[in-house]
Amino acid sequence: MYTSNGNLDIIKEIIPIWVTSFNVVIKYYLFDLCVLDIKLLMDNMIIDWNMWKSKEEIEIMKKFARSGRMYTLGYTIYIYVSMSLFLLVTFIPPLMDVIIPLNESRHMELPVVAEYFLDEEKHFYFIYCHMVVCVTITITILIAIDTQLMVFCCHVSGAFAVVSFRLEHFLKNDTTLDGLSDLQRKESYKHVSLSIKGHKRALEFVKRMESLFSYSLLMQCGLNVICMSICLYQIKILYGRSVETMKYISLVIGELIHLFIASLSGQTIIDHSSDVYFKAYSGLWYEAPMEIRKLLILIMRRSFKPSQLTAGKIFIYCLDGFSTIMQTSTSYFMVLLSIQ
């Protein structure tokens, strides 16, 4: 609980923590409401893996699976490290008492401003342990949901990459393209049909994934701007007070990585979905029989517009969007400084 009594300094101090907690609560309940749809997406991932047969296609899927594993591990480690820094800031004063002692002991502060209606000094470590448990659970929920989105993004990017590979190498090994036998025509038609099926499944996967995460991503986008603006403001105001400053620096770093990973995942989808068009165009589609050429033109027209991961159809998660949010956060930070 918080008791500010109209104290703006306390309000500004608790807003970043409250915003982060609110973000996690929204993510959790939206995820819980869509748990059956999440399971459906995971079942679709299994179907996609079983659809591709050649060694090259399986290797492409494995490559993106390894990328997803690397992203999730890196993200998990980094967020937990930032969380640990945030929590361990409490013990900087006693550490400084050992390194640079003063005439009196430095005062230890809890990582989060809260009112337990207890004697804080008497029950300090019990309160601290409770905060550690609460923060760890909150961050673990955040990591679980964010890493699930990363895995989905890496998977669908791999599916687009497989389709691109199939279209790029279509008919390239045939030397007499004008004189294809009936068997070759049938096999080529099956090849293109499977590519179209894979592309359609990837498009539907992105659409379903966006419908599940769109509103939580929109909420996350707005809350990230608020949190980073206030954290930057607090860093500026508290500059010179190492303990408080370190706490807000760790929060800003965590928010940056959190936002960057989501933007990078969206950028990956854009790159690989648009790559389908260029790889199909670089193939020998114009040498294919007319019935196959019509199929190829359809997939080329559809892939001309890349798939995107959006926040409520308002904001596109990509690297350009990441820089836009950073600029917006900085602008609000400057506004806060000007009205100080």
Protein backbone atom coordinates (compact mmCIF):
# COMPACT_ATOMS: atom_id res chain seq x y z
CA MET A 1 0.00 0.00 0.00
CA TYR A 2 0.99 3.62 -0.54
CA THR A 3 0.17 6.66 1.57
CA SER A 4 1.35 9.85 -0.11
CA ASN A 5 -0.87 12.47 1.63
CA GLY A 6 -0.52 14.62 -1.48
CA ASN A 7 3.29 14.47 -1.46
CA LEU A 8 4.26 14.78 -5.14
CA ASP A 9 7.79 13.50 -4.51
CA ILE A 10 6.43 10.22 -3.16
CA ILE A 11 3.93 9.98 -6.01
CA LYS A 12 6.69 10.44 -8.61
CA GLU A 13 8.79 7.84 -6.81
CA ILE A 14 6.11 5.16 -6.77
CA ILE A 15 4.71 5.73 -10.28
CA PRO A 16 7.44 3.70 -12.13
CA ILE A 17 6.91 0.73 -9.79
CA TRP A 18 3.14 1.02 -10.03
CA VAL A 19 3.25 1.34 -13.83
CA THR A 20 5.45 -1.74 -14.18
CA SER A 21 3.21 -3.76 -11.85
CA PHE A 22 0.08 -2.61 -13.68
CA ASN A 23 1.65 -3.59 -17.00
CA VAL A 24 2.35 -7.11 -15.71
CA VAL A 25 -1.18 -7.47 -14.29
CA ILE A 26 -2.72 -6.47 -17.63
CA LYS A 27 -0.44 -8.87 -19.51
CA TYR A 28 -1.22 -11.71 -17.12
CA TYR A 29 -5.02 -11.41 -17.27
CA LEU A 30 -5.11 -10.94 -21.05
CA PHE A 31 -2.82 -13.95 -21.41
CA ASP A 32 -5.02 -15.98 -19.05
CA LEU A 33 -8.16 -15.08 -21.01
CA CYS A 34 -6.52 -16.24 -24.26
CA VAL A 35 -4.85 -19.38 -22.95
CA LEU A 36 -6.79 -21.66 -25.33
CA ASP A 37 -5.78 -19.51 -28.30
CA ILE A 38 -2.17 -19.61 -27.10
CA LYS A 39 -2.39 -23.41 -27.04
CA LEU A 40 -3.82 -23.34 -30.57
CA LEU A 41 -0.83 -21.31 -31.76
CA MET A 42 1.54 -23.81 -30.18
CA ASP A 43 -0.32 -26.67 -31.90
CA ASN A 44 0.07 -24.78 -35.19
CA MET A 45 3.80 -24.59 -34.56
CA ILE A 46 3.93 -28.40 -34.41
CA ILE A 47 1.93 -28.66 -37.65
CA ASP A 48 4.27 -26.19 -39.36
CA TRP A 49 7.32 -28.22 -38.34
CA ASN A 50 5.76 -31.40 -39.74
CA MET A 51 4.80 -29.71 -43.01
CA TRP A 52 8.36 -29.15 -44.25
CA LYS A 53 10.32 -32.21 -45.37
CA SER A 54 13.60 -31.27 -47.06
CA LYS A 55 16.86 -31.00 -45.14
CA GLU A 56 17.30 -27.33 -46.04
CA GLU A 57 13.81 -26.38 -44.88
CA ILE A 58 14.20 -28.18 -41.55
CA GLU A 59 17.58 -26.51 -41.05
CA ILE A 60 16.03 -23.08 -41.61
CA MET A 61 13.38 -23.81 -38.98
CA LYS A 62 16.05 -25.06 -36.58
CA LYS A 63 18.08 -21.90 -37.16
CA PHE A 64 15.16 -19.70 -36.11
CA ALA A 65 14.36 -22.00 -33.19
CA ARG A 66 17.93 -21.53 -31.97
CA SER A 67 17.53 -17.76 -32.38
CA GLY A 68 14.36 -17.88 -30.30
CA ARG A 69 16.14 -19.85 -27.61
CA MET A 70 19.04 -17.38 -27.60
CA TYR A 71 16.69 -14.38 -27.36
CA THR A 72 14.68 -15.90 -24.50
CA LEU A 73 17.77 -16.89 -22.53
CA GLY A 74 19.45 -13.51 -23.07
CA TYR A 75 16.28 -11.61 -22.19
CA THR A 76 15.66 -13.72 -19.09
CA ILE A 77 19.20 -13.31 -17.80
CA TYR A 78 19.26 -9.57 -18.47
CA ILE A 79 15.91 -8.86 -16.82
CA TYR A 80 16.81 -10.93 -13.77
CA VAL A 81 20.15 -9.12 -13.51
CA SER A 82 18.38 -5.74 -13.68
CA MET A 83 15.93 -6.93 -11.04
CA SER A 84 18.79 -8.07 -8.81
CA LEU A 85 20.52 -4.70 -9.13
CA PHE A 86 17.26 -2.97 -8.24
CA LEU A 87 16.82 -5.11 -5.12
CA LEU A 88 20.46 -5.10 -4.00
CA VAL A 89 20.63 -1.30 -4.03
CA THR A 90 19.23 -1.53 -0.49
CA PHE A 91 22.55 -2.90 0.76
CA ILE A 92 24.75 -0.17 -0.70
CA PRO A 93 24.63 1.99 2.51
CA PRO A 94 26.01 -0.76 4.84
CA LEU A 95 28.58 -1.61 2.17
CA MET A 96 29.66 2.03 2.04
CA ASP A 97 29.89 2.03 5.85
CA VAL A 98 32.58 -0.64 5.52
CA ILE A 99 34.42 0.99 2.61
CA ILE A 100 34.06 4.67 3.58
CA PRO A 101 32.85 4.80 7.20
CA LEU A 102 31.20 7.90 8.62
CA ASN A 103 30.59 9.01 12.21
CA GLU A 104 27.15 7.41 12.01
CA SER A 105 25.71 4.48 10.07
CA ARG A 106 24.05 5.21 6.76
CA HIS A 107 20.30 4.67 6.59
CA MET A 108 19.04 1.60 4.70
CA GLU A 109 15.99 2.08 2.51
CA LEU A 110 13.59 -0.45 1.06
CA PRO A 111 13.76 -0.86 -2.74
CA VAL A 112 10.08 0.05 -3.07
CA VAL A 113 8.31 2.81 -1.15
CA ALA A 114 5.37 1.13 0.59
CA GLU A 115 3.36 1.31 3.79
CA TYR A 116 3.10 -1.93 5.77
CA PHE A 117 1.75 -0.21 8.92
CA LEU A 118 4.58 -1.82 10.89
CA ASP A 119 7.72 -0.55 12.52
CA GLU A 120 9.94 -0.44 9.43
CA GLU A 121 13.24 -0.53 11.32
CA LYS A 122 12.19 -3.39 13.58
CA HIS A 123 10.76 -5.55 10.79
CA PHE A 124 13.04 -4.30 8.01
CA TYR A 125 14.32 -7.66 6.79
CA PHE A 126 10.89 -9.32 6.90
CA ILE A 127 9.47 -6.49 4.81
CA TYR A 128 12.45 -6.66 2.46
CA CYS A 129 12.03 -10.44 1.97
CA HIS A 130 8.33 -9.93 1.20
CA MET A 131 9.23 -7.30 -1.40
CA VAL A 132 11.84 -9.60 -2.96
CA VAL A 133 9.26 -12.39 -3.32
CA CYS A 134 6.64 -10.03 -4.81
CA VAL A 135 9.08 -8.42 -7.26
CA THR A 136 10.48 -11.82 -8.32
CA ILE A 137 7.00 -13.22 -8.99
CA THR A 138 6.04 -10.10 -10.95
CA ILE A 139 9.19 -10.18 -13.08
CA THR A 140 8.86 -13.94 -13.67
CA ILE A 141 5.33 -13.45 -15.03
CA LEU A 142 6.61 -10.66 -17.27
CA ILE A 143 9.44 -12.82 -18.60
CA ALA A 144 7.16 -15.81 -19.22
CA ILE A 145 4.72 -13.79 -21.34
CA ASP A 146 7.37 -11.80 -23.22
CA THR A 147 9.47 -14.87 -24.06
CA GLN A 148 6.36 -16.64 -25.36
CA LEU A 149 5.83 -13.76 -27.77
CA MET A 150 9.50 -13.95 -28.82
CA VAL A 151 9.19 -17.67 -29.57
CA PHE A 152 6.07 -17.06 -31.67
CA CYS A 153 7.81 -14.27 -33.62
CA CYS A 154 10.90 -16.39 -34.29
CA HIS A 155 8.77 -19.32 -35.41
CA VAL A 156 6.66 -17.35 -37.87
CA SER A 157 9.81 -15.62 -39.19
CA GLY A 158 11.25 -19.08 -39.83
CA ALA A 159 8.07 -20.09 -41.66
CA PHE A 160 8.36 -17.02 -43.92
CA ALA A 161 12.05 -17.83 -44.49
CA VAL A 162 11.20 -21.39 -45.59
CA VAL A 163 8.61 -20.08 -48.07
CA SER A 164 11.18 -17.59 -49.38
CA PHE A 165 13.73 -20.38 -49.81
CA ARG A 166 11.27 -22.59 -51.71
CA LEU A 167 10.22 -19.79 -54.06
CA GLU A 168 13.78 -18.58 -54.66
CA HIS A 169 14.98 -22.04 -55.70
CA PHE A 170 11.87 -22.97 -57.64
CA LEU A 171 12.78 -24.51 -61.04
CA LYS A 172 16.42 -23.38 -60.77
CA ASN A 173 17.71 -26.89 -61.30
CA ASP A 174 15.72 -27.40 -64.50
CA THR A 175 17.51 -26.65 -67.74
CA THR A 176 14.55 -27.13 -70.10
CA LEU A 177 11.86 -25.08 -68.46
CA ASP A 178 9.73 -24.83 -71.58
CA GLY A 179 9.56 -28.57 -72.04
CA LEU A 180 8.45 -29.83 -68.66
CA SER A 181 6.88 -33.26 -68.67
CA ASP A 182 3.45 -33.86 -67.17
CA LEU A 183 5.08 -35.40 -64.09
CA GLN A 184 7.36 -32.37 -63.68
CA ARG A 185 4.39 -30.03 -64.08
CA LYS A 186 2.49 -31.93 -61.41
CA GLU A 187 5.46 -31.89 -59.03
CA SER A 188 6.06 -28.19 -59.67
CA TYR A 189 2.39 -27.46 -59.03
CA LYS A 190 2.56 -29.38 -55.74
CA HIS A 191 5.74 -27.49 -54.80
CA VAL A 192 4.12 -24.10 -55.36
CA SER A 193 0.86 -25.17 -53.70
CA LEU A 194 2.74 -26.24 -50.57
CA SER A 195 4.62 -22.93 -50.57
CA ILE A 196 1.34 -21.03 -50.83
CA LYS A 197 -0.13 -23.14 -48.04
CA GLY A 198 2.90 -22.41 -45.85
CA HIS A 199 2.66 -18.69 -46.62
CA LYS A 200 -1.05 -18.64 -45.85
CA ARG A 201 -0.47 -20.44 -42.55
CA ALA A 202 2.26 -17.94 -41.63
CA LEU A 203 -0.04 -15.00 -42.41
CA GLU A 204 -2.82 -16.51 -40.31
CA PHE A 205 -0.34 -17.18 -37.51
CA VAL A 206 0.71 -13.51 -37.43
CA LYS A 207 -2.91 -12.37 -37.57
CA ARG A 208 -3.93 -14.62 -34.68
CA MET A 209 -0.82 -13.74 -32.67
CA GLU A 210 -1.45 -10.02 -33.13
CA SER A 211 -5.08 -10.37 -32.06
CA LEU A 212 -3.91 -12.01 -28.83
CA PHE A 213 -1.10 -9.61 -27.94
CA SER A 214 -2.22 -6.37 -29.63
CA TYR A 215 -3.96 -4.71 -26.67
CA SER A 216 -1.36 -5.74 -24.11
CA LEU A 217 1.32 -4.37 -26.45
CA LEU A 218 -0.62 -1.11 -26.77
CA MET A 219 -0.85 -0.83 -23.00
CA GLN A 220 2.84 -1.71 -22.72
CA CYS A 221 3.79 0.98 -25.23
CA GLY A 222 2.02 3.76 -23.32
CA LEU A 223 3.18 2.59 -19.90
CA ASN A 224 6.79 2.29 -21.11
CA VAL A 225 6.74 5.93 -22.18
CA ILE A 226 5.36 7.02 -18.79
CA CYS A 227 7.78 4.86 -16.82
CA MET A 228 10.92 5.87 -18.73
CA SER A 229 10.01 9.57 -18.66
CA ILE A 230 9.54 9.60 -14.89
CA CYS A 231 12.60 7.41 -14.27
CA LEU A 232 14.77 9.78 -16.33
CA TYR A 233 13.29 12.68 -14.39
CA GLN A 234 14.06 10.98 -11.07
CA ILE A 235 17.64 10.23 -12.19
CA LYS A 236 18.12 13.91 -13.01
CA ILE A 237 16.57 15.12 -9.73
CA LEU A 238 18.37 12.59 -7.53
CA TYR A 239 21.72 12.90 -9.31
CA GLY A 240 24.46 12.67 -6.71
CA ARG A 241 22.50 10.34 -4.44
CA SER A 242 23.99 7.07 -5.64
CA VAL A 243 21.55 4.66 -4.00
CA GLU A 244 18.34 6.19 -5.39
CA THR A 245 19.95 6.92 -8.75
CA MET A 246 21.11 3.31 -9.19
CA LYS A 247 17.57 2.10 -8.53
CA TYR A 248 16.11 4.20 -11.33
CA ILE A 249 18.98 3.44 -13.71
CA SER A 250 18.27 -0.28 -13.33
CA LEU A 251 14.58 0.40 -14.02
CA VAL A 252 15.39 2.37 -17.18
CA ILE A 253 17.75 -0.34 -18.45
CA GLY A 254 15.12 -3.01 -17.82
CA GLU A 255 12.45 -0.98 -19.65
CA LEU A 256 14.79 -0.34 -22.58
CA ILE A 257 15.60 -4.02 -23.03
CA HIS A 258 11.95 -4.93 -22.57
CA LEU A 259 10.90 -2.52 -25.32
CA PHE A 260 13.85 -3.27 -27.61
CA ILE A 261 13.19 -7.02 -27.64
CA ALA A 262 9.53 -6.49 -28.56
CA SER A 263 10.56 -4.05 -31.32
CA LEU A 264 13.23 -6.44 -32.61
CA SER A 265 10.70 -9.28 -32.74
CA GLY A 266 8.34 -7.11 -34.78
CA GLN A 267 11.18 -6.02 -37.08
CA THR A 268 12.09 -9.68 -37.72
CA ILE A 269 8.54 -10.43 -38.87
CA ILE A 270 8.55 -7.41 -41.20
CA ASP A 271 11.91 -8.34 -42.73
CA HIS A 272 11.16 -12.00 -43.39
CA SER A 273 7.57 -11.51 -44.55
CA SER A 274 8.66 -8.87 -47.07
CA ASP A 275 11.57 -11.09 -48.11
CA VAL A 276 9.04 -13.57 -49.55
CA TYR A 277 8.23 -11.11 -52.34
CA PHE A 278 11.86 -10.43 -53.27
CA LYS A 279 12.88 -14.10 -53.16
CA ALA A 280 9.88 -15.10 -55.28
CA TYR A 281 10.69 -12.36 -57.78
CA SER A 282 14.33 -13.45 -58.00
CA GLY A 283 13.26 -16.99 -58.90
CA LEU A 284 12.32 -18.23 -62.37
CA TRP A 285 8.58 -17.71 -61.97
CA TYR A 286 8.29 -16.20 -65.46
CA GLU A 287 9.63 -19.45 -66.96
CA ALA A 288 7.02 -21.61 -65.23
CA PRO A 289 3.92 -22.96 -66.99
CA MET A 290 0.94 -20.60 -67.03
CA GLU A 291 -1.11 -22.40 -64.36
CA ILE A 292 1.86 -22.31 -61.97
CA ARG A 293 2.73 -18.74 -62.89
CA LYS A 294 -0.73 -17.57 -61.83
CA LEU A 295 -0.21 -19.11 -58.40
CA LEU A 296 3.19 -17.45 -58.05
CA ILE A 297 1.81 -14.04 -59.02
CA LEU A 298 -0.85 -14.37 -56.33
CA ILE A 299 1.68 -15.04 -53.58
CA MET A 300 3.93 -12.25 -54.87
CA ARG A 301 1.07 -9.75 -54.74
CA ARG A 302 0.08 -10.80 -51.23
CA SER A 303 3.65 -10.71 -49.90
CA PHE A 304 4.27 -7.22 -51.33
CA LYS A 305 2.75 -5.83 -48.11
CA PRO A 306 4.75 -7.19 -45.15
CA SER A 307 3.13 -8.60 -42.03
CA GLN A 308 3.46 -6.45 -38.92
CA LEU A 309 3.17 -6.75 -35.16
CA THR A 310 1.13 -3.76 -34.06
CA ALA A 311 -0.12 -2.30 -30.81
CA GLY A 312 -3.87 -1.95 -31.27
CA LYS A 313 -3.38 -1.10 -34.98
CA ILE A 314 -1.94 2.23 -33.80
CA PHE A 315 1.77 1.63 -33.30
CA ILE A 316 4.00 -0.75 -35.29
CA TYR A 317 6.62 -2.61 -33.28
CA CYS A 318 9.86 -2.26 -35.24
CA LEU A 319 13.24 -0.60 -34.79
CA ASP A 320 11.90 2.69 -36.14
CA GLY A 321 9.09 2.45 -33.63
CA PHE A 322 11.62 1.84 -30.87
CA SER A 323 13.42 5.07 -31.71
CA THR A 324 10.06 6.88 -31.84
CA ILE A 325 9.20 5.73 -28.31
CA MET A 326 12.64 6.79 -27.11
CA GLN A 327 12.17 10.25 -28.61
CA THR A 328 8.69 10.52 -27.09
CA SER A 329 9.97 9.48 -23.65
CA THR A 330 12.77 12.03 -23.90
CA SER A 331 10.30 14.74 -24.91
CA TYR A 332 8.07 14.05 -21.89
CA PHE A 333 11.17 13.98 -19.70
CA MET A 334 12.10 17.47 -20.91
CA VAL A 335 8.53 18.64 -20.26
CA LEU A 336 8.72 17.34 -16.69
CA LEU A 337 12.00 19.19 -16.19
CA SER A 338 10.55 22.42 -17.55
CA ILE A 339 7.61 22.37 -15.11
CA GLN A 340 9.73 21.39 -12.10
